[in-house]
Amino acid sequence: MIVPIENGIRYFAGVLSDNDISGYEKLEVATQSYAVLTKKNGISRLLFDEFKNEFFTNEAHASKYNGKEILEVLLNGNPTDAEVELWVPIKSET
């Protein structure tokens, strides 16, 4: 998870859990609208970087970003031949 802060970002790696685990920070992901992008067959870090470059260099897409947490999801557990999703929170279209 990428969390925007005043002078940069905070980057979190985590797992989905309903349990409180001593010594770990718990972050809850807000219910909101997301643009979800999917890629596979590559190194996960490189795929995530491609996503961000594609999304944020396109003005039409970038203008929809609401400034909240971005989720990087590794779907298959294999970072060297990955299937990934990038969840970018977007402004509501209401």
PDB file of N, CA and C in Angstrom:
ATOM      1  N   MET A   1       0.850  -1.155   0.000  1.00  0.00           N
ATOM      2  CA  MET A   1       0.000   0.000   0.000  1.00  0.00           C
ATOM      3  C   MET A   1       0.900   1.224   0.000  1.00  0.00           C
ATOM      4  N   ILE A   2       0.565   2.180  -0.823  1.00  0.00           N
ATOM      5  CA  ILE A   2       1.289   3.442  -0.894  1.00  0.00           C
ATOM      6  C   ILE A   2       0.394   4.514  -0.286  1.00  0.00           C
ATOM      7  N   VAL A   3       0.875   5.141   0.783  1.00  0.00           N
ATOM      8  CA  VAL A   3       0.094   6.152   1.492  1.00  0.00           C
ATOM      9  C   VAL A   3       0.769   7.509   1.295  1.00  0.00           C
ATOM     10  N   PRO A   4       0.103   8.451   0.607  1.00  0.00           N
ATOM     11  CA  PRO A   4       0.682   9.781   0.439  1.00  0.00           C
ATOM     12  C   PRO A   4       0.805  10.500   1.788  1.00  0.00           C
ATOM     13  N   ILE A   5       1.948  11.131   2.006  1.00  0.00           N
ATOM     14  CA  ILE A   5       2.157  11.982   3.183  1.00  0.00           C
ATOM     15  C   ILE A   5       2.710  13.314   2.691  1.00  0.00           C
ATOM     16  N   GLU A   6       2.889  14.258   3.592  1.00  0.00           N
ATOM     17  CA  GLU A   6       3.239  15.627   3.200  1.00  0.00           C
ATOM     18  C   GLU A   6       4.452  15.717   2.281  1.00  0.00           C
ATOM     19  N   ASN A   7       5.539  15.058   2.600  1.00  0.00           N
ATOM     20  CA  ASN A   7       6.759  15.179   1.804  1.00  0.00           C
ATOM     21  C   ASN A   7       7.159  13.869   1.142  1.00  0.00           C
ATOM     22  N   GLY A   8       6.194  13.078   0.692  1.00  0.00           N
ATOM     23  CA  GLY A   8       6.528  11.819   0.037  1.00  0.00           C
ATOM     24  C   GLY A   8       5.441  10.785   0.227  1.00  0.00           C
ATOM     25  N   ILE A   9       5.874   9.555   0.490  1.00  0.00           N
ATOM     26  CA  ILE A   9       4.934   8.452   0.688  1.00  0.00           C
ATOM     27  C   ILE A   9       5.404   7.571   1.839  1.00  0.00           C
ATOM     28  N   ARG A  10       4.480   6.783   2.367  1.00  0.00           N
ATOM     29  CA  ARG A  10       4.803   5.661   3.256  1.00  0.00           C
ATOM     30  C   ARG A  10       4.404   4.421   2.486  1.00  0.00           C
ATOM     31  N   TYR A  11       5.278   3.422   2.475  1.00  0.00           N
ATOM     32  CA  TYR A  11       5.016   2.194   1.727  1.00  0.00           C
ATOM     33  C   TYR A  11       4.834   1.061   2.720  1.00  0.00           C
ATOM     34  N   PHE A  12       3.734   0.325   2.590  1.00  0.00           N
ATOM     35  CA  PHE A  12       3.429  -0.785   3.487  1.00  0.00           C
ATOM     36  C   PHE A  12       3.325  -2.077   2.692  1.00  0.00           C
ATOM     37  N   ALA A  13       3.860  -3.146   3.244  1.00  0.00           N
ATOM     38  CA  ALA A  13       3.617  -4.496   2.726  1.00  0.00           C
ATOM     39  C   ALA A  13       2.808  -5.197   3.796  1.00  0.00           C
ATOM     40  N   GLY A  14       1.808  -5.959   3.400  1.00  0.00           N
ATOM     41  CA  GLY A  14       0.963  -6.563   4.420  1.00  0.00           C
ATOM     42  C   GLY A  14       0.171  -7.739   3.911  1.00  0.00           C
ATOM     43  N   VAL A  15      -0.699  -8.183   4.769  1.00  0.00           N
ATOM     44  CA  VAL A  15      -1.596  -9.297   4.463  1.00  0.00           C
ATOM     45  C   VAL A  15      -3.010  -8.907   4.859  1.00  0.00           C
ATOM     46  N   LEU A  16      -3.968  -9.571   4.264  1.00  0.00           N
ATOM     47  CA  LEU A  16      -5.367  -9.375   4.616  1.00  0.00           C
ATOM     48  C   LEU A  16      -5.669 -10.195   5.857  1.00  0.00           C
ATOM     49  N   SER A  17      -6.144  -9.532   6.916  1.00  0.00           N
ATOM     50  CA  SER A  17      -6.433 -10.236   8.162  1.00  0.00           C
ATOM     51  C   SER A  17      -7.449  -9.456   8.976  1.00  0.00           C
ATOM     52  N   ASP A  18      -8.295 -10.187   9.683  1.00  0.00           N
ATOM     53  CA  ASP A  18      -9.224  -9.568  10.623  1.00  0.00           C
ATOM     54  C   ASP A  18      -8.683  -9.611  12.046  1.00  0.00           C
ATOM     55  N   ASN A  19      -7.515 -10.215  12.236  1.00  0.00           N
ATOM     56  CA  ASN A  19      -6.929 -10.379  13.569  1.00  0.00           C
ATOM     57  C   ASN A  19      -5.980  -9.236  13.896  1.00  0.00           C
ATOM     58  N   ASP A  20      -5.966  -8.811  15.150  1.00  0.00           N
ATOM     59  CA  ASP A  20      -4.960  -7.868  15.621  1.00  0.00           C
ATOM     60  C   ASP A  20      -3.709  -8.663  15.958  1.00  0.00           C
ATOM     61  N   ILE A  21      -2.578  -8.255  15.401  1.00  0.00           N
ATOM     62  CA  ILE A  21      -1.322  -8.954  15.642  1.00  0.00           C
ATOM     63  C   ILE A  21      -0.403  -8.005  16.390  1.00  0.00           C
ATOM     64  N   SER A  22       0.026  -8.411  17.564  1.00  0.00           N
ATOM     65  CA  SER A  22       0.873  -7.590  18.419  1.00  0.00           C
ATOM     66  C   SER A  22       2.147  -7.173  17.685  1.00  0.00           C
ATOM     67  N   GLY A  23       2.476  -5.893  17.783  1.00  0.00           N
ATOM     68  CA  GLY A  23       3.702  -5.384  17.203  1.00  0.00           C
ATOM     69  C   GLY A  23       3.576  -4.910  15.762  1.00  0.00           C
ATOM     70  N   TYR A  24       2.408  -5.071  15.167  1.00  0.00           N
ATOM     71  CA  TYR A  24       2.203  -4.655  13.783  1.00  0.00           C
ATOM     72  C   TYR A  24       1.155  -3.556  13.711  1.00  0.00           C
ATOM     73  N   GLU A  25       1.337  -2.662  12.771  1.00  0.00           N
ATOM     74  CA  GLU A  25       0.378  -1.587  12.551  1.00  0.00           C
ATOM     75  C   GLU A  25      -0.773  -2.112  11.704  1.00  0.00           C
ATOM     76  N   LYS A  26      -1.985  -1.740  12.065  1.00  0.00           N
ATOM     77  CA  LYS A  26      -3.167  -2.163  11.319  1.00  0.00           C
ATOM     78  C   LYS A  26      -3.691  -0.976  10.522  1.00  0.00           C
ATOM     79  N   LEU A  27      -3.856  -1.176   9.223  1.00  0.00           N
ATOM     80  CA  LEU A  27      -4.410  -0.147   8.356  1.00  0.00           C
ATOM     81  C   LEU A  27      -5.702  -0.664   7.753  1.00  0.00           C
ATOM     82  N   GLU A  28      -6.711   0.167   7.762  1.00  0.00           N
ATOM     83  CA  GLU A  28      -7.972  -0.209   7.132  1.00  0.00           C
ATOM     84  C   GLU A  28      -8.099   0.538   5.818  1.00  0.00           C
ATOM     85  N   VAL A  29      -8.525  -0.176   4.805  1.00  0.00           N
ATOM     86  CA  VAL A  29      -8.695   0.406   3.482  1.00  0.00           C
ATOM     87  C   VAL A  29     -10.137   0.889   3.355  1.00  0.00           C
ATOM     88  N   ALA A  30     -10.285   2.156   3.008  1.00  0.00           N
ATOM     89  CA  ALA A  30     -11.614   2.760   2.903  1.00  0.00           C
ATOM     90  C   ALA A  30     -12.387   2.188   1.720  1.00  0.00           C
ATOM     91  N   THR A  31     -13.691   2.104   1.895  1.00  0.00           N
ATOM     92  CA  THR A  31     -14.565   1.753   0.783  1.00  0.00           C
ATOM     93  C   THR A  31     -14.669   2.980  -0.113  1.00  0.00           C
ATOM     94  N   GLN A  32     -14.285   2.831  -1.366  1.00  0.00           N
ATOM     95  CA  GLN A  32     -14.308   3.935  -2.319  1.00  0.00           C
ATOM     96  C   GLN A  32     -14.217   3.370  -3.731  1.00  0.00           C
ATOM     97  N   SER A  33     -14.297   4.228  -4.714  1.00  0.00           N
ATOM     98  CA  SER A  33     -14.180   3.803  -6.111  1.00  0.00           C
ATOM     99  C   SER A  33     -12.709   3.687  -6.485  1.00  0.00           C
ATOM    100  N   TYR A  34     -12.384   2.661  -7.270  1.00  0.00           N
ATOM    101  CA  TYR A  34     -11.013   2.420  -7.710  1.00  0.00           C
ATOM    102  C   TYR A  34     -10.966   2.181  -9.212  1.00  0.00           C
ATOM    103  N   ALA A  35      -9.879   2.615  -9.840  1.00  0.00           N
ATOM    104  CA  ALA A  35      -9.516   2.144 -11.174  1.00  0.00           C
ATOM    105  C   ALA A  35      -8.589   0.963 -10.918  1.00  0.00           C
ATOM    106  N   VAL A  36      -8.928  -0.206 -11.458  1.00  0.00           N
ATOM    107  CA  VAL A  36      -8.135  -1.414 -11.220  1.00  0.00           C
ATOM    108  C   VAL A  36      -7.466  -1.817 -12.531  1.00  0.00           C
ATOM    109  N   LEU A  37      -6.126  -1.867 -12.492  1.00  0.00           N
ATOM    110  CA  LEU A  37      -5.347  -2.247 -13.661  1.00  0.00           C
ATOM    111  C   LEU A  37      -4.704  -3.599 -13.386  1.00  0.00           C
ATOM    112  N   THR A  38      -4.623  -4.455 -14.396  1.00  0.00           N
ATOM    113  CA  THR A  38      -4.105  -5.807 -14.230  1.00  0.00           C
ATOM    114  C   THR A  38      -2.989  -6.070 -15.235  1.00  0.00           C
ATOM    115  N   LYS A  39      -1.915  -6.717 -14.761  1.00  0.00           N
ATOM    116  CA  LYS A  39      -0.809  -7.149 -15.626  1.00  0.00           C
ATOM    117  C   LYS A  39      -0.311  -8.490 -15.125  1.00  0.00           C
ATOM    118  N   LYS A  40       0.378  -9.232 -16.018  1.00  0.00           N
ATOM    119  CA  LYS A  40       0.992 -10.485 -15.597  1.00  0.00           C
ATOM    120  C   LYS A  40       2.209 -10.773 -16.454  1.00  0.00           C
ATOM    121  N   ASN A  41       2.946 -11.819 -16.051  1.00  0.00           N
ATOM    122  CA  ASN A  41       4.132 -12.294 -16.771  1.00  0.00           C
ATOM    123  C   ASN A  41       5.295 -11.314 -16.700  1.00  0.00           C
ATOM    124  N   GLY A  42       5.722 -10.999 -15.507  1.00  0.00           N
ATOM    125  CA  GLY A  42       6.882 -10.149 -15.315  1.00  0.00           C
ATOM    126  C   GLY A  42       7.240 -10.083 -13.848  1.00  0.00           C
ATOM    127  N   ILE A  43       8.270  -9.316 -13.541  1.00  0.00           N
ATOM    128  CA  ILE A  43       8.691  -9.104 -12.155  1.00  0.00           C
ATOM    129  C   ILE A  43       7.735  -8.096 -11.529  1.00  0.00           C
ATOM    130  N   SER A  44       7.191  -8.437 -10.371  1.00  0.00           N
ATOM    131  CA  SER A  44       6.120  -7.629  -9.772  1.00  0.00           C
ATOM    132  C   SER A  44       6.497  -6.163  -9.616  1.00  0.00           C
ATOM    133  N   ARG A  45       7.689  -5.865  -9.100  1.00  0.00           N
ATOM    134  CA  ARG A  45       8.075  -4.469  -8.880  1.00  0.00           C
ATOM    135  C   ARG A  45       8.061  -3.696 -10.197  1.00  0.00           C
ATOM    136  N   LEU A  46       8.547  -4.319 -11.266  1.00  0.00           N
ATOM    137  CA  LEU A  46       8.576  -3.650 -12.569  1.00  0.00           C
ATOM    138  C   LEU A  46       7.171  -3.448 -13.123  1.00  0.00           C
ATOM    139  N   LEU A  47       6.298  -4.439 -12.929  1.00  0.00           N
ATOM    140  CA  LEU A  47       4.915  -4.303 -13.391  1.00  0.00           C
ATOM    141  C   LEU A  47       4.206  -3.169 -12.662  1.00  0.00           C
ATOM    142  N   PHE A  48       4.406  -3.072 -11.337  1.00  0.00           N
ATOM    143  CA  PHE A  48       3.783  -1.989 -10.574  1.00  0.00           C
ATOM    144  C   PHE A  48       4.296  -0.631 -11.051  1.00  0.00           C
ATOM    145  N   ASP A  49       5.601  -0.542 -11.308  1.00  0.00           N
ATOM    146  CA  ASP A  49       6.160   0.717 -11.794  1.00  0.00           C
ATOM    147  C   ASP A  49       5.588   1.082 -13.166  1.00  0.00           C
ATOM    148  N   GLU A  50       5.412   0.089 -14.051  1.00  0.00           N
ATOM    149  CA  GLU A  50       4.793   0.343 -15.359  1.00  0.00           C
ATOM    150  C   GLU A  50       3.380   0.897 -15.193  1.00  0.00           C
ATOM    151  N   PHE A  51       2.608   0.277 -14.292  1.00  0.00           N
ATOM    152  CA  PHE A  51       1.248   0.750 -14.019  1.00  0.00           C
ATOM    153  C   PHE A  51       1.240   2.221 -13.650  1.00  0.00           C
ATOM    154  N   LYS A  52       2.060   2.555 -12.665  1.00  0.00           N
ATOM    155  CA  LYS A  52       2.057   3.928 -12.162  1.00  0.00           C
ATOM    156  C   LYS A  52       2.461   4.907 -13.256  1.00  0.00           C
ATOM    157  N   ASN A  53       3.468   4.539 -14.050  1.00  0.00           N
ATOM    158  CA  ASN A  53       3.878   5.413 -15.148  1.00  0.00           C
ATOM    159  C   ASN A  53       2.753   5.580 -16.162  1.00  0.00           C
ATOM    160  N   GLU A  54       2.084   4.485 -16.530  1.00  0.00           N
ATOM    161  CA  GLU A  54       0.994   4.552 -17.501  1.00  0.00           C
ATOM    162  C   GLU A  54      -0.183   5.375 -16.973  1.00  0.00           C
ATOM    163  N   PHE A  55      -0.536   5.169 -15.724  1.00  0.00           N
ATOM    164  CA  PHE A  55      -1.703   5.856 -15.163  1.00  0.00           C
ATOM    165  C   PHE A  55      -1.432   7.341 -14.964  1.00  0.00           C
ATOM    166  N   PHE A  56      -0.307   7.668 -14.320  1.00  0.00           N
ATOM    167  CA  PHE A  56      -0.080   9.051 -13.909  1.00  0.00           C
ATOM    168  C   PHE A  56       0.520   9.930 -15.001  1.00  0.00           C
ATOM    169  N   THR A  57       0.994   9.364 -16.110  1.00  0.00           N
ATOM    170  CA  THR A  57       1.442  10.203 -17.228  1.00  0.00           C
ATOM    171  C   THR A  57       0.310  10.487 -18.202  1.00  0.00           C
ATOM    172  N   ASN A  58      -0.833   9.858 -18.012  1.00  0.00           N
ATOM    173  CA  ASN A  58      -2.031  10.123 -18.811  1.00  0.00           C
ATOM    174  C   ASN A  58      -2.879  11.128 -18.030  1.00  0.00           C
ATOM    175  N   GLU A  59      -2.943  12.360 -18.510  1.00  0.00           N
ATOM    176  CA  GLU A  59      -3.636  13.430 -17.771  1.00  0.00           C
ATOM    177  C   GLU A  59      -5.092  13.091 -17.475  1.00  0.00           C
ATOM    178  N   ALA A  60      -5.769  12.440 -18.419  1.00  0.00           N
ATOM    179  CA  ALA A  60      -7.176  12.076 -18.202  1.00  0.00           C
ATOM    180  C   ALA A  60      -7.322  11.109 -17.033  1.00  0.00           C
ATOM    181  N   HIS A  61      -6.390  10.171 -16.910  1.00  0.00           N
ATOM    182  CA  HIS A  61      -6.425   9.228 -15.788  1.00  0.00           C
ATOM    183  C   HIS A  61      -5.956   9.893 -14.497  1.00  0.00           C
ATOM    184  N   ALA A  62      -4.816  10.572 -14.571  1.00  0.00           N
ATOM    185  CA  ALA A  62      -4.220  11.169 -13.371  1.00  0.00           C
ATOM    186  C   ALA A  62      -5.169  12.152 -12.695  1.00  0.00           C
ATOM    187  N   SER A  63      -5.977  12.867 -13.473  1.00  0.00           N
ATOM    188  CA  SER A  63      -6.893  13.851 -12.893  1.00  0.00           C
ATOM    189  C   SER A  63      -8.020  13.190 -12.096  1.00  0.00           C
ATOM    190  N   LYS A  64      -8.221  11.889 -12.276  1.00  0.00           N
ATOM    191  CA  LYS A  64      -9.258  11.166 -11.535  1.00  0.00           C
ATOM    192  C   LYS A  64      -8.773  10.675 -10.175  1.00  0.00           C
ATOM    193  N   TYR A  65      -7.454  10.629  -9.963  1.00  0.00           N
ATOM    194  CA  TYR A  65      -6.888  10.149  -8.697  1.00  0.00           C
ATOM    195  C   TYR A  65      -7.337  11.046  -7.556  1.00  0.00           C
ATOM    196  N   ASN A  66      -7.820  10.445  -6.453  1.00  0.00           N
ATOM    197  CA  ASN A  66      -8.351  11.243  -5.345  1.00  0.00           C
ATOM    198  C   ASN A  66      -7.337  11.519  -4.235  1.00  0.00           C
ATOM    199  N   GLY A  67      -6.087  11.105  -4.400  1.00  0.00           N
ATOM    200  CA  GLY A  67      -5.052  11.413  -3.419  1.00  0.00           C
ATOM    201  C   GLY A  67      -4.960  10.450  -2.253  1.00  0.00           C
ATOM    202  N   LYS A  68      -5.748   9.402  -2.261  1.00  0.00           N
ATOM    203  CA  LYS A  68      -5.758   8.430  -1.150  1.00  0.00           C
ATOM    204  C   LYS A  68      -4.787   7.282  -1.426  1.00  0.00           C
ATOM    205  N   GLU A  69      -4.834   6.272  -0.563  1.00  0.00           N
ATOM    206  CA  GLU A  69      -3.923   5.141  -0.620  1.00  0.00           C
ATOM    207  C   GLU A  69      -4.062   4.354  -1.920  1.00  0.00           C
ATOM    208  N   ILE A  70      -2.922   3.981  -2.507  1.00  0.00           N
ATOM    209  CA  ILE A  70      -2.877   3.140  -3.704  1.00  0.00           C
ATOM    210  C   ILE A  70      -2.512   1.731  -3.261  1.00  0.00           C
ATOM    211  N   LEU A  71      -3.233   0.742  -3.782  1.00  0.00           N
ATOM    212  CA  LEU A  71      -2.982  -0.646  -3.409  1.00  0.00           C
ATOM    213  C   LEU A  71      -2.258  -1.370  -4.533  1.00  0.00           C
ATOM    214  N   GLU A  72      -1.157  -2.034  -4.189  1.00  0.00           N
ATOM    215  CA  GLU A  72      -0.452  -2.915  -5.102  1.00  0.00           C
ATOM    216  C   GLU A  72      -0.730  -4.336  -4.627  1.00  0.00           C
ATOM    217  N   VAL A  73      -1.360  -5.152  -5.468  1.00  0.00           N
ATOM    218  CA  VAL A  73      -1.800  -6.484  -5.059  1.00  0.00           C
ATOM    219  C   VAL A  73      -1.090  -7.530  -5.912  1.00  0.00           C
ATOM    220  N   LEU A  74      -0.348  -8.434  -5.251  1.00  0.00           N
ATOM    221  CA  LEU A  74       0.293  -9.572  -5.910  1.00  0.00           C
ATOM    222  C   LEU A  74      -0.675 -10.739  -5.806  1.00  0.00           C
ATOM    223  N   LEU A  75      -1.284 -11.125  -6.925  1.00  0.00           N
ATOM    224  CA  LEU A  75      -2.365 -12.106  -6.907  1.00  0.00           C
ATOM    225  C   LEU A  75      -1.892 -13.548  -6.800  1.00  0.00           C
ATOM    226  N   ASN A  76      -0.760 -13.878  -7.412  1.00  0.00           N
ATOM    227  CA  ASN A  76      -0.353 -15.281  -7.469  1.00  0.00           C
ATOM    228  C   ASN A  76       0.790 -15.641  -6.519  1.00  0.00           C
ATOM    229  N   GLY A  77       1.284 -14.696  -5.730  1.00  0.00           N
ATOM    230  CA  GLY A  77       2.341 -14.990  -4.764  1.00  0.00           C
ATOM    231  C   GLY A  77       3.706 -15.239  -5.377  1.00  0.00           C
ATOM    232  N   ASN A  78       3.878 -14.979  -6.662  1.00  0.00           N
ATOM    233  CA  ASN A  78       5.152 -15.232  -7.335  1.00  0.00           C
ATOM    234  C   ASN A  78       5.705 -13.919  -7.882  1.00  0.00           C
ATOM    235  N   PRO A  79       6.604 -13.250  -7.156  1.00  0.00           N
ATOM    236  CA  PRO A  79       7.077 -11.941  -7.591  1.00  0.00           C
ATOM    237  C   PRO A  79       7.960 -11.962  -8.839  1.00  0.00           C
ATOM    238  N   THR A  80       8.466 -13.141  -9.258  1.00  0.00           N
ATOM    239  CA  THR A  80       9.316 -13.192 -10.449  1.00  0.00           C
ATOM    240  C   THR A  80       8.544 -13.511 -11.729  1.00  0.00           C
ATOM    241  N   ASP A  81       7.360 -14.057 -11.623  1.00  0.00           N
ATOM    242  CA  ASP A  81       6.456 -14.285 -12.763  1.00  0.00           C
ATOM    243  C   ASP A  81       5.056 -13.913 -12.283  1.00  0.00           C
ATOM    244  N   ALA A  82       4.881 -12.631 -12.046  1.00  0.00           N
ATOM    245  CA  ALA A  82       3.756 -12.129 -11.264  1.00  0.00           C
ATOM    246  C   ALA A  82       2.488 -11.911 -12.071  1.00  0.00           C
ATOM    247  N   GLU A  83       1.387 -11.999 -11.335  1.00  0.00           N
ATOM    248  CA  GLU A  83       0.080 -11.520 -11.778  1.00  0.00           C
ATOM    249  C   GLU A  83      -0.313 -10.474 -10.740  1.00  0.00           C
ATOM    250  N   VAL A  84      -0.446  -9.214 -11.175  1.00  0.00           N
ATOM    251  CA  VAL A  84      -0.616  -8.115 -10.230  1.00  0.00           C
ATOM    252  C   VAL A  84      -1.793  -7.224 -10.611  1.00  0.00           C
ATOM    253  N   GLU A  85      -2.282  -6.509  -9.609  1.00  0.00           N
ATOM    254  CA  GLU A  85      -3.287  -5.466  -9.811  1.00  0.00           C
ATOM    255  C   GLU A  85      -2.811  -4.203  -9.110  1.00  0.00           C
ATOM    256  N   LEU A  86      -3.081  -3.074  -9.709  1.00  0.00           N
ATOM    257  CA  LEU A  86      -2.869  -1.776  -9.085  1.00  0.00           C
ATOM    258  C   LEU A  86      -4.245  -1.160  -8.908  1.00  0.00           C
ATOM    259  N   TRP A  87      -4.609  -0.858  -7.663  1.00  0.00           N
ATOM    260  CA  TRP A  87      -5.898  -0.251  -7.336  1.00  0.00           C
ATOM    261  C   TRP A  87      -5.643   1.221  -7.021  1.00  0.00           C
ATOM    262  N   VAL A  88      -6.066   2.099  -7.927  1.00  0.00           N
ATOM    263  CA  VAL A  88      -5.886   3.541  -7.751  1.00  0.00           C
ATOM    264  C   VAL A  88      -7.234   4.135  -7.362  1.00  0.00           C
ATOM    265  N   PRO A  89      -7.327   4.739  -6.167  1.00  0.00           N
ATOM    266  CA  PRO A  89      -8.601   5.337  -5.758  1.00  0.00           C
ATOM    267  C   PRO A  89      -8.907   6.563  -6.614  1.00  0.00           C
ATOM    268  N   ILE A  90     -10.141   6.631  -7.070  1.00  0.00           N
ATOM    269  CA  ILE A  90     -10.527   7.717  -7.972  1.00  0.00           C
ATOM    270  C   ILE A  90     -11.683   8.522  -7.381  1.00  0.00           C
ATOM    271  N   LYS A  91     -11.810   9.736  -7.881  1.00  0.00           N
ATOM    272  CA  LYS A  91     -12.901  10.611  -7.452  1.00  0.00           C
ATOM    273  C   LYS A  91     -14.231  10.002  -7.858  1.00  0.00           C
ATOM    274  N   SER A  92     -15.210  10.152  -7.002  1.00  0.00           N
ATOM    275  CA  SER A  92     -16.552   9.641  -7.287  1.00  0.00           C
ATOM    276  C   SER A  92     -17.148  10.405  -8.454  1.00  0.00           C
ATOM    277  N   GLU A  93     -17.866   9.702  -9.309  1.00  0.00           N
ATOM    278  CA  GLU A  93     -18.465  10.335 -10.486  1.00  0.00           C
ATOM    279  C   GLU A  93     -19.896  10.779 -10.244  1.00  0.00           C
ATOM    280  N   THR A  94     -20.283  10.993  -8.991  1.00  0.00           N
ATOM    281  CA  THR A  94     -21.647  11.432  -8.683  1.00  0.00           C
ATOM    282  C   THR A  94     -21.786  12.924  -8.806  1.00  0.00           C
TER     283      THR A  94
END
